[in-house]
mmCIF file of all heavy atoms, coordinates in Angstrom:
data_MODEL
# 
_entry.id   MODEL 
# 
loop_
_atom_site.group_PDB 
_atom_site.id 
_atom_site.type_symbol 
_atom_site.label_atom_id 
_atom_site.label_alt_id 
_atom_site.label_comp_id 
_atom_site.label_asym_id 
_atom_site.label_entity_id 
_atom_site.label_seq_id 
_atom_site.pdbx_PDB_ins_code 
_atom_site.Cartn_x 
_atom_site.Cartn_y 
_atom_site.Cartn_z 
_atom_site.occupancy 
_atom_site.B_iso_or_equiv 
_atom_site.pdbx_formal_charge 
_atom_site.auth_seq_id 
_atom_site.auth_comp_id 
_atom_site.auth_asym_id 
_atom_site.auth_atom_id 
_atom_site.pdbx_PDB_model_num 
ATOM 1   N N   . ALA A 1 1  ? 0.820   -1.213  0.004   1.00 0.00 ? 1  ALA A N   1 
ATOM 2   C CA  . ALA A 1 1  ? -0.003  0.002   -0.001  1.00 0.00 ? 1  ALA A CA  1 
ATOM 3   C C   . ALA A 1 1  ? 0.859   1.269   -0.001  1.00 0.00 ? 1  ALA A C   1 
ATOM 4   O O   . ALA A 1 1  ? 0.513   2.252   -0.636  1.00 0.00 ? 1  ALA A O   1 
ATOM 5   C CB  . ALA A 1 1  ? -0.942  -0.010  1.203   1.00 0.00 ? 1  ALA A CB  1 
ATOM 6   N N   . ALA A 1 2  ? 1.986   1.221   0.696   1.00 0.00 ? 2  ALA A N   1 
ATOM 7   C CA  . ALA A 1 2  ? 2.870   2.391   0.740   1.00 0.00 ? 2  ALA A CA  1 
ATOM 8   C C   . ALA A 1 2  ? 3.528   2.633   -0.612  1.00 0.00 ? 2  ALA A C   1 
ATOM 9   O O   . ALA A 1 2  ? 3.747   3.780   -1.003  1.00 0.00 ? 2  ALA A O   1 
ATOM 10  C CB  . ALA A 1 2  ? 3.940   2.201   1.811   1.00 0.00 ? 2  ALA A CB  1 
ATOM 11  N N   . GLU A 1 3  ? 3.837   1.562   -1.317  1.00 0.00 ? 3  GLU A N   1 
ATOM 12  C CA  . GLU A 1 3  ? 4.506   1.694   -2.601  1.00 0.00 ? 3  GLU A CA  1 
ATOM 13  C C   . GLU A 1 3  ? 3.542   2.031   -3.725  1.00 0.00 ? 3  GLU A C   1 
ATOM 14  O O   . GLU A 1 3  ? 3.922   2.659   -4.714  1.00 0.00 ? 3  GLU A O   1 
ATOM 15  C CB  . GLU A 1 3  ? 5.244   0.391   -2.922  1.00 0.00 ? 3  GLU A CB  1 
ATOM 16  C CG  . GLU A 1 3  ? 6.191   0.505   -4.071  1.00 0.00 ? 3  GLU A CG  1 
ATOM 17  C CD  . GLU A 1 3  ? 7.035   -0.746  -4.234  1.00 0.00 ? 3  GLU A CD  1 
ATOM 18  O OE1 . GLU A 1 3  ? 7.423   -1.348  -3.231  1.00 0.00 ? 3  GLU A OE1 1 
ATOM 19  O OE2 . GLU A 1 3  ? 7.306   -1.103  -5.389  1.00 0.00 ? 3  GLU A OE2 1 
ATOM 20  N N   . HIS A 1 4  ? 2.307   1.610   -3.582  1.00 0.00 ? 4  HIS A N   1 
ATOM 21  C CA  . HIS A 1 4  ? 1.312   1.817   -4.640  1.00 0.00 ? 4  HIS A CA  1 
ATOM 22  C C   . HIS A 1 4  ? 0.081   2.474   -4.046  1.00 0.00 ? 4  HIS A C   1 
ATOM 23  O O   . HIS A 1 4  ? -0.809  1.791   -3.555  1.00 0.00 ? 4  HIS A O   1 
ATOM 24  C CB  . HIS A 1 4  ? 0.963   0.483   -5.295  1.00 0.00 ? 4  HIS A CB  1 
ATOM 25  C CG  . HIS A 1 4  ? 2.146   -0.168  -5.923  1.00 0.00 ? 4  HIS A CG  1 
ATOM 26  N ND1 . HIS A 1 4  ? 2.590   0.187   -7.165  1.00 0.00 ? 4  HIS A ND1 1 
ATOM 27  C CD2 . HIS A 1 4  ? 2.994   -1.113  -5.458  1.00 0.00 ? 4  HIS A CD2 1 
ATOM 28  C CE1 . HIS A 1 4  ? 3.663   -0.536  -7.442  1.00 0.00 ? 4  HIS A CE1 1 
ATOM 29  N NE2 . HIS A 1 4  ? 3.935   -1.321  -6.436  1.00 0.00 ? 4  HIS A NE2 1 
ATOM 30  N N   . PRO A 1 5  ? 0.006   3.793   -4.108  1.00 0.00 ? 5  PRO A N   1 
ATOM 31  C CA  . PRO A 1 5  ? -1.087  4.531   -3.481  1.00 0.00 ? 5  PRO A CA  1 
ATOM 32  C C   . PRO A 1 5  ? -2.481  4.116   -3.974  1.00 0.00 ? 5  PRO A C   1 
ATOM 33  O O   . PRO A 1 5  ? -3.459  4.299   -3.261  1.00 0.00 ? 5  PRO A O   1 
ATOM 34  C CB  . PRO A 1 5  ? -0.793  5.992   -3.861  1.00 0.00 ? 5  PRO A CB  1 
ATOM 35  C CG  . PRO A 1 5  ? 0.633   6.023   -4.247  1.00 0.00 ? 5  PRO A CG  1 
ATOM 36  C CD  . PRO A 1 5  ? 0.968   4.658   -4.741  1.00 0.00 ? 5  PRO A CD  1 
ATOM 37  N N   . ARG A 1 6  ? -2.553  3.558   -5.168  1.00 0.00 ? 6  ARG A N   1 
ATOM 38  C CA  . ARG A 1 6  ? -3.855  3.113   -5.659  1.00 0.00 ? 6  ARG A CA  1 
ATOM 39  C C   . ARG A 1 6  ? -4.418  1.966   -4.811  1.00 0.00 ? 6  ARG A C   1 
ATOM 40  O O   . ARG A 1 6  ? -5.626  1.806   -4.683  1.00 0.00 ? 6  ARG A O   1 
ATOM 41  C CB  . ARG A 1 6  ? -3.689  2.647   -7.114  1.00 0.00 ? 6  ARG A CB  1 
ATOM 42  C CG  . ARG A 1 6  ? -4.989  2.319   -7.784  1.00 0.00 ? 6  ARG A CG  1 
ATOM 43  C CD  . ARG A 1 6  ? -4.778  1.917   -9.209  1.00 0.00 ? 6  ARG A CD  1 
ATOM 44  N NE  . ARG A 1 6  ? -5.502  0.676   -9.417  1.00 0.00 ? 6  ARG A NE  1 
ATOM 45  C CZ  . ARG A 1 6  ? -5.442  -0.041  -10.490 1.00 0.00 ? 6  ARG A CZ  1 
ATOM 46  N NH1 . ARG A 1 6  ? -4.659  0.312   -11.472 1.00 0.00 ? 6  ARG A NH1 1 
ATOM 47  N NH2 . ARG A 1 6  ? -6.148  -1.122  -10.611 1.00 0.00 ? 6  ARG A NH2 1 
ATOM 48  N N   . MET A 1 7  ? -3.510  1.223   -4.216  1.00 0.00 ? 7  MET A N   1 
ATOM 49  C CA  . MET A 1 7  ? -3.926  0.142   -3.313  1.00 0.00 ? 7  MET A CA  1 
ATOM 50  C C   . MET A 1 7  ? -3.845  0.683   -1.904  1.00 0.00 ? 7  MET A C   1 
ATOM 51  O O   . MET A 1 7  ? -2.802  1.162   -1.472  1.00 0.00 ? 7  MET A O   1 
ATOM 52  C CB  . MET A 1 7  ? -3.013  -1.061  -3.475  1.00 0.00 ? 7  MET A CB  1 
ATOM 53  C CG  . MET A 1 7  ? -3.087  -1.694  -4.810  1.00 0.00 ? 7  MET A CG  1 
ATOM 54  S SD  . MET A 1 7  ? -2.006  -3.130  -4.828  1.00 0.00 ? 7  MET A SD  1 
ATOM 55  C CE  . MET A 1 7  ? -1.974  -3.438  -6.566  1.00 0.00 ? 7  MET A CE  1 
ATOM 56  N N   . ARG A 1 8  ? -4.933  0.589   -1.185  1.00 0.00 ? 8  ARG A N   1 
ATOM 57  C CA  . ARG A 1 8  ? -4.916  1.098   0.183   1.00 0.00 ? 8  ARG A CA  1 
ATOM 58  C C   . ARG A 1 8  ? -5.587  0.099   1.110   1.00 0.00 ? 8  ARG A C   1 
ATOM 59  O O   . ARG A 1 8  ? -6.417  -0.711  0.690   1.00 0.00 ? 8  ARG A O   1 
ATOM 60  C CB  . ARG A 1 8  ? -5.587  2.454   0.258   1.00 0.00 ? 8  ARG A CB  1 
ATOM 61  C CG  . ARG A 1 8  ? -7.020  2.472   -0.164  1.00 0.00 ? 8  ARG A CG  1 
ATOM 62  C CD  . ARG A 1 8  ? -7.574  3.907   -0.194  1.00 0.00 ? 8  ARG A CD  1 
ATOM 63  N NE  . ARG A 1 8  ? -8.921  3.886   -0.699  1.00 0.00 ? 8  ARG A NE  1 
ATOM 64  C CZ  . ARG A 1 8  ? -9.999  3.695   0.069   1.00 0.00 ? 8  ARG A CZ  1 
ATOM 65  N NH1 . ARG A 1 8  ? -9.865  3.548   1.353   1.00 0.00 ? 8  ARG A NH1 1 
ATOM 66  N NH2 . ARG A 1 8  ? -11.205 3.669   -0.463  1.00 0.00 ? 8  ARG A NH2 1 
ATOM 67  N N   . LEU A 1 9  ? -5.186  0.158   2.356   1.00 0.00 ? 9  LEU A N   1 
ATOM 68  C CA  . LEU A 1 9  ? -5.779  -0.697  3.372   1.00 0.00 ? 9  LEU A CA  1 
ATOM 69  C C   . LEU A 1 9  ? -6.980  0.042   3.953   1.00 0.00 ? 9  LEU A C   1 
ATOM 70  O O   . LEU A 1 9  ? -6.843  1.166   4.434   1.00 0.00 ? 9  LEU A O   1 
ATOM 71  C CB  . LEU A 1 9  ? -4.764  -1.008  4.466   1.00 0.00 ? 9  LEU A CB  1 
ATOM 72  C CG  . LEU A 1 9  ? -3.496  -1.729  4.015   1.00 0.00 ? 9  LEU A CG  1 
ATOM 73  C CD1 . LEU A 1 9  ? -2.528  -1.852  5.173   1.00 0.00 ? 9  LEU A CD1 1 
ATOM 74  C CD2 . LEU A 1 9  ? -3.829  -3.088  3.446   1.00 0.00 ? 9  LEU A CD2 1 
ATOM 75  N N   . THR A 1 10 ? -8.121  -0.583  3.899   1.00 0.00 ? 10 THR A N   1 
ATOM 76  C CA  . THR A 1 10 ? -9.332  0.099   4.343   1.00 0.00 ? 10 THR A CA  1 
ATOM 77  C C   . THR A 1 10 ? -9.550  0.003   5.849   1.00 0.00 ? 10 THR A C   1 
ATOM 78  O O   . THR A 1 10 ? -10.231 0.834   6.413   1.00 0.00 ? 10 THR A O   1 
ATOM 79  C CB  . THR A 1 10 ? -10.566 -0.462  3.625   1.00 0.00 ? 10 THR A CB  1 
ATOM 80  O OG1 . THR A 1 10 ? -10.620 -1.872  3.819   1.00 0.00 ? 10 THR A OG1 1 
ATOM 81  C CG2 . THR A 1 10 ? -10.499 -0.148  2.129   1.00 0.00 ? 10 THR A CG2 1 
ATOM 82  N N   . ASN A 1 11 ? -8.953  -1.008  6.495   1.00 0.00 ? 11 ASN A N   1 
ATOM 83  C CA  . ASN A 1 11 ? -9.161  -1.152  7.930   1.00 0.00 ? 11 ASN A CA  1 
ATOM 84  C C   . ASN A 1 11 ? -7.842  -1.406  8.666   1.00 0.00 ? 11 ASN A C   1 
ATOM 85  O O   . ASN A 1 11 ? -7.769  -2.232  9.561   1.00 0.00 ? 11 ASN A O   1 
ATOM 86  C CB  . ASN A 1 11 ? -10.181 -2.243  8.236   1.00 0.00 ? 11 ASN A CB  1 
ATOM 87  C CG  . ASN A 1 11 ? -9.764  -3.596  7.698   1.00 0.00 ? 11 ASN A CG  1 
ATOM 88  O OD1 . ASN A 1 11 ? -8.839  -3.703  6.890   1.00 0.00 ? 11 ASN A OD1 1 
ATOM 89  N ND2 . ASN A 1 11 ? -10.426 -4.635  8.146   1.00 0.00 ? 11 ASN A ND2 1 
ATOM 90  N N   . GLU A 1 12 ? -6.827  -0.675  8.271   1.00 0.00 ? 12 GLU A N   1 
ATOM 91  C CA  . GLU A 1 12 ? -5.496  -0.837  8.851   1.00 0.00 ? 12 GLU A CA  1 
ATOM 92  C C   . GLU A 1 12 ? -5.490  -0.640  10.365  1.00 0.00 ? 12 GLU A C   1 
ATOM 93  O O   . GLU A 1 12 ? -4.891  -1.411  11.103  1.00 0.00 ? 12 GLU A O   1 
ATOM 94  C CB  . GLU A 1 12 ? -4.519  0.157   8.194   1.00 0.00 ? 12 GLU A CB  1 
ATOM 95  C CG  . GLU A 1 12 ? -3.112  0.054   8.693   1.00 0.00 ? 12 GLU A CG  1 
ATOM 96  C CD  . GLU A 1 12 ? -2.148  0.978   7.981   1.00 0.00 ? 12 GLU A CD  1 
ATOM 97  O OE1 . GLU A 1 12 ? -2.561  1.710   7.060   1.00 0.00 ? 12 GLU A OE1 1 
ATOM 98  O OE2 . GLU A 1 12 ? -0.976  0.976   8.357   1.00 0.00 ? 12 GLU A OE2 1 
ATOM 99  N N   . THR A 1 13 ? -6.213  0.367   10.832  1.00 0.00 ? 13 THR A N   1 
ATOM 100 C CA  . THR A 1 13 ? -6.253  0.652   12.267  1.00 0.00 ? 13 THR A CA  1 
ATOM 101 C C   . THR A 1 13 ? -6.867  -0.503  13.055  1.00 0.00 ? 13 THR A C   1 
ATOM 102 O O   . THR A 1 13 ? -6.346  -0.907  14.105  1.00 0.00 ? 13 THR A O   1 
ATOM 103 C CB  . THR A 1 13 ? -7.053  1.942   12.524  1.00 0.00 ? 13 THR A CB  1 
ATOM 104 O OG1 . THR A 1 13 ? -6.473  2.999   11.740  1.00 0.00 ? 13 THR A OG1 1 
ATOM 105 C CG2 . THR A 1 13 ? -7.033  2.343   13.985  1.00 0.00 ? 13 THR A CG2 1 
ATOM 106 N N   . GLU A 1 14 ? -7.944  -1.066  12.547  1.00 0.00 ? 14 GLU A N   1 
ATOM 107 C CA  . GLU A 1 14 ? -8.629  -2.173  13.228  1.00 0.00 ? 14 GLU A CA  1 
ATOM 108 C C   . GLU A 1 14 ? -7.757  -3.423  13.268  1.00 0.00 ? 14 GLU A C   1 
ATOM 109 O O   . GLU A 1 14 ? -7.681  -4.102  14.296  1.00 0.00 ? 14 GLU A O   1 
ATOM 110 C CB  . GLU A 1 14 ? -9.975  -2.496  12.563  1.00 0.00 ? 14 GLU A CB  1 
ATOM 111 C CG  . GLU A 1 14 ? -11.021 -1.415  12.705  1.00 0.00 ? 14 GLU A CG  1 
ATOM 112 C CD  . GLU A 1 14 ? -10.920 -0.331  11.631  1.00 0.00 ? 14 GLU A CD  1 
ATOM 113 O OE1 . GLU A 1 14 ? -9.966  -0.339  10.818  1.00 0.00 ? 14 GLU A OE1 1 
ATOM 114 O OE2 . GLU A 1 14 ? -11.788 0.537   11.613  1.00 0.00 ? 14 GLU A OE2 1 
ATOM 115 N N   . VAL A 1 15 ? -7.096  -3.727  12.154  1.00 0.00 ? 15 VAL A N   1 
ATOM 116 C CA  . VAL A 1 15 ? -6.228  -4.921  12.109  1.00 0.00 ? 15 VAL A CA  1 
ATOM 117 C C   . VAL A 1 15 ? -5.053  -4.732  13.053  1.00 0.00 ? 15 VAL A C   1 
ATOM 118 O O   . VAL A 1 15 ? -4.702  -5.645  13.814  1.00 0.00 ? 15 VAL A O   1 
ATOM 119 C CB  . VAL A 1 15 ? -5.754  -5.205  10.661  1.00 0.00 ? 15 VAL A CB  1 
ATOM 120 C CG1 . VAL A 1 15 ? -4.728  -6.320  10.641  1.00 0.00 ? 15 VAL A CG1 1 
ATOM 121 C CG2 . VAL A 1 15 ? -6.934  -5.570  9.773   1.00 0.00 ? 15 VAL A CG2 1 
ATOM 122 N N   . ASP A 1 16 ? -4.443  -3.564  13.033  1.00 0.00 ? 16 ASP A N   1 
ATOM 123 C CA  . ASP A 1 16 ? -3.324  -3.268  13.915  1.00 0.00 ? 16 ASP A CA  1 
ATOM 124 C C   . ASP A 1 16 ? -3.745  -3.406  15.380  1.00 0.00 ? 16 ASP A C   1 
ATOM 125 O O   . ASP A 1 16 ? -3.021  -3.995  16.192  1.00 0.00 ? 16 ASP A O   1 
ATOM 126 C CB  . ASP A 1 16 ? -2.779  -1.872  13.634  1.00 0.00 ? 16 ASP A CB  1 
ATOM 127 C CG  . ASP A 1 16 ? -1.468  -1.608  14.327  1.00 0.00 ? 16 ASP A CG  1 
ATOM 128 O OD1 . ASP A 1 16 ? -0.566  -2.461  14.251  1.00 0.00 ? 16 ASP A OD1 1 
ATOM 129 O OD2 . ASP A 1 16 ? -1.337  -0.520  14.937  1.00 0.00 ? 16 ASP A OD2 1 
ATOM 130 N N   . ALA A 1 17 ? -4.909  -2.888  15.709  1.00 0.00 ? 17 ALA A N   1 
ATOM 131 C CA  . ALA A 1 17 ? -5.415  -2.988  17.089  1.00 0.00 ? 17 ALA A CA  1 
ATOM 132 C C   . ALA A 1 17 ? -5.676  -4.440  17.478  1.00 0.00 ? 17 ALA A C   1 
ATOM 133 O O   . ALA A 1 17 ? -5.372  -4.858  18.603  1.00 0.00 ? 17 ALA A O   1 
ATOM 134 C CB  . ALA A 1 17 ? -6.692  -2.157  17.240  1.00 0.00 ? 17 ALA A CB  1 
ATOM 135 N N   . ALA A 1 18 ? -6.215  -5.227  16.561  1.00 0.00 ? 18 ALA A N   1 
ATOM 136 C CA  . ALA A 1 18 ? -6.498  -6.647  16.840  1.00 0.00 ? 18 ALA A CA  1 
ATOM 137 C C   . ALA A 1 18 ? -5.192  -7.407  17.080  1.00 0.00 ? 18 ALA A C   1 
ATOM 138 O O   . ALA A 1 18 ? -5.105  -8.220  18.011  1.00 0.00 ? 18 ALA A O   1 
ATOM 139 C CB  . ALA A 1 18 ? -7.276  -7.263  15.683  1.00 0.00 ? 18 ALA A CB  1 
ATOM 140 N N   . ILE A 1 19 ? -4.189  -7.129  16.279  1.00 0.00 ? 19 ILE A N   1 
ATOM 141 C CA  . ILE A 1 19 ? -2.892  -7.802  16.447  1.00 0.00 ? 19 ILE A CA  1 
ATOM 142 C C   . ILE A 1 19 ? -2.278  -7.419  17.786  1.00 0.00 ? 19 ILE A C   1 
ATOM 143 O O   . ILE A 1 19 ? -1.808  -8.286  18.536  1.00 0.00 ? 19 ILE A O   1 
ATOM 144 C CB  . ILE A 1 19 ? -1.950  -7.455  15.281  1.00 0.00 ? 19 ILE A CB  1 
ATOM 145 C CG1 . ILE A 1 19 ? -2.405  -8.184  14.020  1.00 0.00 ? 19 ILE A CG1 1 
ATOM 146 C CG2 . ILE A 1 19 ? -0.501  -7.814  15.612  1.00 0.00 ? 19 ILE A CG2 1 
ATOM 147 C CD1 . ILE A 1 19 ? -1.668  -7.793  12.750  1.00 0.00 ? 19 ILE A CD1 1 
ATOM 148 N N   . LYS A 1 20 ? -2.302  -6.149  18.129  1.00 0.00 ? 20 LYS A N   1 
ATOM 149 C CA  . LYS A 1 20 ? -1.744  -5.712  19.409  1.00 0.00 ? 20 LYS A CA  1 
ATOM 150 C C   . LYS A 1 20 ? -2.502  -6.307  20.588  1.00 0.00 ? 20 LYS A C   1 
ATOM 151 O O   . LYS A 1 20 ? -1.898  -6.695  21.590  1.00 0.00 ? 20 LYS A O   1 
ATOM 152 C CB  . LYS A 1 20 ? -1.748  -4.183  19.485  1.00 0.00 ? 20 LYS A CB  1 
ATOM 153 C CG  . LYS A 1 20 ? -0.680  -3.567  18.612  1.00 0.00 ? 20 LYS A CG  1 
ATOM 154 C CD  . LYS A 1 20 ? -0.697  -2.059  18.661  1.00 0.00 ? 20 LYS A CD  1 
ATOM 155 C CE  . LYS A 1 20 ? 0.406   -1.532  17.753  1.00 0.00 ? 20 LYS A CE  1 
ATOM 156 N NZ  . LYS A 1 20 ? 0.374   -0.081  17.605  1.00 0.00 ? 20 LYS A NZ  1 
ATOM 157 N N   . GLN A 1 21 ? -3.820  -6.413  20.457  1.00 0.00 ? 21 GLN A N   1 
ATOM 158 C CA  . GLN A 1 21 ? -4.616  -7.018  21.532  1.00 0.00 ? 21 GLN A CA  1 
ATOM 159 C C   . GLN A 1 21 ? -4.253  -8.484  21.706  1.00 0.00 ? 21 GLN A C   1 
ATOM 160 O O   . GLN A 1 21 ? -4.108  -8.958  22.843  1.00 0.00 ? 21 GLN A O   1 
ATOM 161 C CB  . GLN A 1 21 ? -6.118  -6.865  21.244  1.00 0.00 ? 21 GLN A CB  1 
ATOM 162 C CG  . GLN A 1 21 ? -6.999  -7.385  22.357  1.00 0.00 ? 21 GLN A CG  1 
ATOM 163 C CD  . GLN A 1 21 ? -6.828  -6.624  23.649  1.00 0.00 ? 21 GLN A CD  1 
ATOM 164 O OE1 . GLN A 1 21 ? -6.880  -5.406  23.664  1.00 0.00 ? 21 GLN A OE1 1 
ATOM 165 N NE2 . GLN A 1 21 ? -6.588  -7.317  24.735  1.00 0.00 ? 21 GLN A NE2 1 
ATOM 166 N N   . LEU A 1 22 ? -4.117  -9.203  20.607  1.00 0.00 ? 22 LEU A N   1 
ATOM 167 C CA  . LEU A 1 22 ? -3.721  -10.619 20.697  1.00 0.00 ? 22 LEU A CA  1 
ATOM 168 C C   . LEU A 1 22 ? -2.330  -10.762 21.305  1.00 0.00 ? 22 LEU A C   1 
ATOM 169 O O   . LEU A 1 22 ? -2.100  -11.656 22.143  1.00 0.00 ? 22 LEU A O   1 
ATOM 170 C CB  . LEU A 1 22 ? -3.772  -11.277 19.323  1.00 0.00 ? 22 LEU A CB  1 
ATOM 171 C CG  . LEU A 1 22 ? -5.162  -11.591 18.778  1.00 0.00 ? 22 LEU A CG  1 
ATOM 172 C CD1 . LEU A 1 22 ? -5.079  -12.095 17.343  1.00 0.00 ? 22 LEU A CD1 1 
ATOM 173 C CD2 . LEU A 1 22 ? -5.864  -12.621 19.655  1.00 0.00 ? 22 LEU A CD2 1 
ATOM 174 N N   . GLU A 1 23 ? -1.422  -9.889  20.927  1.00 0.00 ? 23 GLU A N   1 
ATOM 175 C CA  . GLU A 1 23 ? -0.068  -9.928  21.514  1.00 0.00 ? 23 GLU A CA  1 
ATOM 176 C C   . GLU A 1 23 ? -0.138  -9.746  23.027  1.00 0.00 ? 23 GLU A C   1 
ATOM 177 O O   . GLU A 1 23 ? 0.527   -10.472 23.777  1.00 0.00 ? 23 GLU A O   1 
ATOM 178 C CB  . GLU A 1 23 ? 0.813   -8.854  20.896  1.00 0.00 ? 23 GLU A CB  1 
ATOM 179 C CG  . GLU A 1 23 ? 1.293   -9.149  19.495  1.00 0.00 ? 23 GLU A CG  1 
ATOM 180 C CD  . GLU A 1 23 ? 2.126   -8.030  18.900  1.00 0.00 ? 23 GLU A CD  1 
ATOM 181 O OE1 . GLU A 1 23 ? 1.805   -6.839  19.118  1.00 0.00 ? 23 GLU A OE1 1 
ATOM 182 O OE2 . GLU A 1 23 ? 3.092   -8.371  18.204  1.00 0.00 ? 23 GLU A OE2 1 
ATOM 183 N N   . GLN A 1 24 ? -0.927  -8.793  23.472  1.00 0.00 ? 24 GLN A N   1 
ATOM 184 C CA  . GLN A 1 24 ? -1.068  -8.555  24.912  1.00 0.00 ? 24 GLN A CA  1 
ATOM 185 C C   . GLN A 1 24 ? -1.710  -9.757  25.605  1.00 0.00 ? 24 GLN A C   1 
ATOM 186 O O   . GLN A 1 24 ? -1.250  -10.187 26.662  1.00 0.00 ? 24 GLN A O   1 
ATOM 187 C CB  . GLN A 1 24 ? -1.899  -7.310  25.157  1.00 0.00 ? 24 GLN A CB  1 
ATOM 188 C CG  . GLN A 1 24 ? -1.200  -6.021  24.800  1.00 0.00 ? 24 GLN A CG  1 
ATOM 189 C CD  . GLN A 1 24 ? -2.119  -4.806  24.948  1.00 0.00 ? 24 GLN A CD  1 
ATOM 190 O OE1 . GLN A 1 24 ? -3.285  -4.924  25.280  1.00 0.00 ? 24 GLN A OE1 1 
ATOM 191 N NE2 . GLN A 1 24 ? -1.567  -3.636  24.676  1.00 0.00 ? 24 GLN A NE2 1 
ATOM 192 N N   . ASP A 1 25 ? -2.760  -10.294 24.993  1.00 0.00 ? 25 ASP A N   1 
ATOM 193 C CA  . ASP A 1 25 ? -3.444  -11.454 25.580  1.00 0.00 ? 25 ASP A CA  1 
ATOM 194 C C   . ASP A 1 25 ? -2.503  -12.654 25.676  1.00 0.00 ? 25 ASP A C   1 
ATOM 195 O O   . ASP A 1 25 ? -2.465  -13.347 26.684  1.00 0.00 ? 25 ASP A O   1 
ATOM 196 C CB  . ASP A 1 25 ? -4.680  -11.833 24.754  1.00 0.00 ? 25 ASP A CB  1 
ATOM 197 C CG  . ASP A 1 25 ? -5.779  -10.777 24.810  1.00 0.00 ? 25 ASP A CG  1 
ATOM 198 O OD1 . ASP A 1 25 ? -5.715  -9.864  25.664  1.00 0.00 ? 25 ASP A OD1 1 
ATOM 199 O OD2 . ASP A 1 25 ? -6.711  -10.873 23.984  1.00 0.00 ? 25 ASP A OD2 1 
# 
């Protein structure tokens, strides 16, 4: 997504939060 602006992550914040939550758990 960073290299190709036409492709973007629509829920990057939610996925990042889910990963961090699982790491903490």
